Every structure is written in structure tokens, then in C-alpha cells.
Amino acid sequence: MGHLRVADASVFPRITHGNTHAPTLMVGEEAADLLRAG
């Protein structure tokens, strides 16, 4: 699989005390923006 990128909760330096779903979605959205920008 060429050009595969993974953006998930593994990029967090520390796990939050609350739900990790929303921060993980934000990481994915930011990664998508960065990839689109080139």
C-alpha cells in the first residue's frame, strides 16, 4: 500500500482523562487539511 498515512490517537503525547473521540477526530481533520495542502 503506497502513500498510506495514519492519523489517530497514537500521536497524543498523553491520553486525556475524558473521551478521546473528539480530539482524535480533530487530529484526523488536521491531517487531512495538511495532506490536501501538499
N, C-alpha and C. Protein backbone atom coordinates (compact mmCIF):
# COMPACT_ATOMS: atom_id res chain seq x y z
N MET A 1 0.85 -1.17 0.00
CA MET A 1 0.00 0.00 0.00
C MET A 1 0.89 1.24 0.00
N GLY A 2 0.96 1.89 -1.11
CA GLY A 2 1.75 3.11 -1.19
C GLY A 2 0.98 4.32 -0.69
N HIS A 3 1.71 5.27 -0.18
CA HIS A 3 1.14 6.56 0.25
C HIS A 3 0.11 6.42 1.36
N LEU A 4 0.26 5.42 2.21
CA LEU A 4 -0.66 5.23 3.33
C LEU A 4 -0.26 6.15 4.48
N ARG A 5 -1.21 6.86 5.02
CA ARG A 5 -0.98 7.74 6.17
C ARG A 5 -1.95 7.35 7.28
N VAL A 6 -1.46 7.37 8.51
CA VAL A 6 -2.31 7.05 9.66
C VAL A 6 -2.34 8.26 10.58
N ALA A 7 -3.53 8.70 10.93
CA ALA A 7 -3.69 9.81 11.87
C ALA A 7 -4.71 9.36 12.91
N ASP A 8 -4.22 9.00 14.07
CA ASP A 8 -5.13 8.51 15.11
C ASP A 8 -4.62 8.94 16.49
N ALA A 9 -5.17 8.37 17.51
CA ALA A 9 -4.85 8.78 18.88
C ALA A 9 -3.42 8.43 19.29
N SER A 10 -2.71 7.65 18.48
CA SER A 10 -1.34 7.30 18.84
C SER A 10 -0.40 8.51 18.77
N VAL A 11 -0.83 9.61 18.17
CA VAL A 11 0.02 10.81 18.10
C VAL A 11 -0.05 11.64 19.37
N PHE A 12 -0.98 11.34 20.27
CA PHE A 12 -1.11 12.11 21.50
C PHE A 12 0.06 11.79 22.44
N PRO A 13 0.74 12.82 22.97
CA PRO A 13 1.82 12.54 23.91
C PRO A 13 1.30 11.97 25.24
N ARG A 14 0.11 12.40 25.63
CA ARG A 14 -0.55 11.89 26.84
C ARG A 14 -2.02 11.68 26.52
N ILE A 15 -2.62 10.65 27.06
CA ILE A 15 -4.04 10.38 26.84
C ILE A 15 -4.84 11.28 27.78
N THR A 16 -5.88 11.89 27.24
CA THR A 16 -6.72 12.77 28.04
C THR A 16 -7.53 11.96 29.06
N HIS A 17 -8.01 12.66 30.08
CA HIS A 17 -8.80 11.98 31.11
C HIS A 17 -10.23 11.72 30.65
N GLY A 18 -10.67 12.46 29.65
CA GLY A 18 -12.04 12.31 29.16
C GLY A 18 -12.10 11.43 27.92
N ASN A 19 -13.14 11.62 27.19
CA ASN A 19 -13.37 10.88 25.96
C ASN A 19 -12.32 11.27 24.91
N THR A 20 -11.77 10.30 24.22
CA THR A 20 -10.74 10.57 23.20
C THR A 20 -11.31 10.71 21.80
N HIS A 21 -12.61 10.52 21.63
CA HIS A 21 -13.20 10.54 20.29
C HIS A 21 -13.07 11.90 19.61
N ALA A 22 -13.47 12.96 20.27
CA ALA A 22 -13.44 14.30 19.65
C ALA A 22 -12.01 14.75 19.33
N PRO A 23 -11.06 14.63 20.26
CA PRO A 23 -9.69 15.02 19.90
C PRO A 23 -9.11 14.19 18.75
N THR A 24 -9.48 12.92 18.69
CA THR A 24 -8.99 12.07 17.60
C THR A 24 -9.57 12.52 16.27
N LEU A 25 -10.84 12.91 16.25
CA LEU A 25 -11.44 13.45 15.03
C LEU A 25 -10.73 14.72 14.59
N MET A 26 -10.37 15.56 15.53
CA MET A 26 -9.67 16.81 15.20
C MET A 26 -8.29 16.52 14.62
N VAL A 27 -7.61 15.51 15.13
CA VAL A 27 -6.31 15.12 14.57
C VAL A 27 -6.48 14.66 13.13
N GLY A 28 -7.49 13.86 12.88
CA GLY A 28 -7.76 13.39 11.52
C GLY A 28 -8.09 14.51 10.56
N GLU A 29 -8.89 15.46 11.02
CA GLU A 29 -9.24 16.60 10.17
C GLU A 29 -8.02 17.46 9.87
N GLU A 30 -7.19 17.69 10.85
CA GLU A 30 -5.97 18.49 10.64
C GLU A 30 -5.02 17.77 9.70
N ALA A 31 -4.89 16.47 9.86
CA ALA A 31 -4.02 15.69 8.97
C ALA A 31 -4.54 15.75 7.54
N ALA A 32 -5.85 15.65 7.36
CA ALA A 32 -6.43 15.74 6.02
C ALA A 32 -6.16 17.11 5.40
N ASP A 33 -6.30 18.16 6.19
CA ASP A 33 -6.01 19.51 5.69
C ASP A 33 -4.55 19.64 5.26
N LEU A 34 -3.63 19.10 6.07
CA LEU A 34 -2.21 19.17 5.74
C LEU A 34 -1.89 18.38 4.47
N LEU A 35 -2.52 17.22 4.32
CA LEU A 35 -2.27 16.42 3.12
C LEU A 35 -2.84 17.09 1.87
N ARG A 36 -4.01 17.71 2.00
CA ARG A 36 -4.59 18.42 0.85
C ARG A 36 -3.74 19.61 0.44
N ALA A 37 -3.15 20.29 1.41
CA ALA A 37 -2.34 21.47 1.13
C ALA A 37 -1.03 21.11 0.44
N GLY A 38 -0.63 19.87 0.57
CA GLY A 38 0.56 19.42 -0.13
C GLY A 38 1.72 19.33 0.74
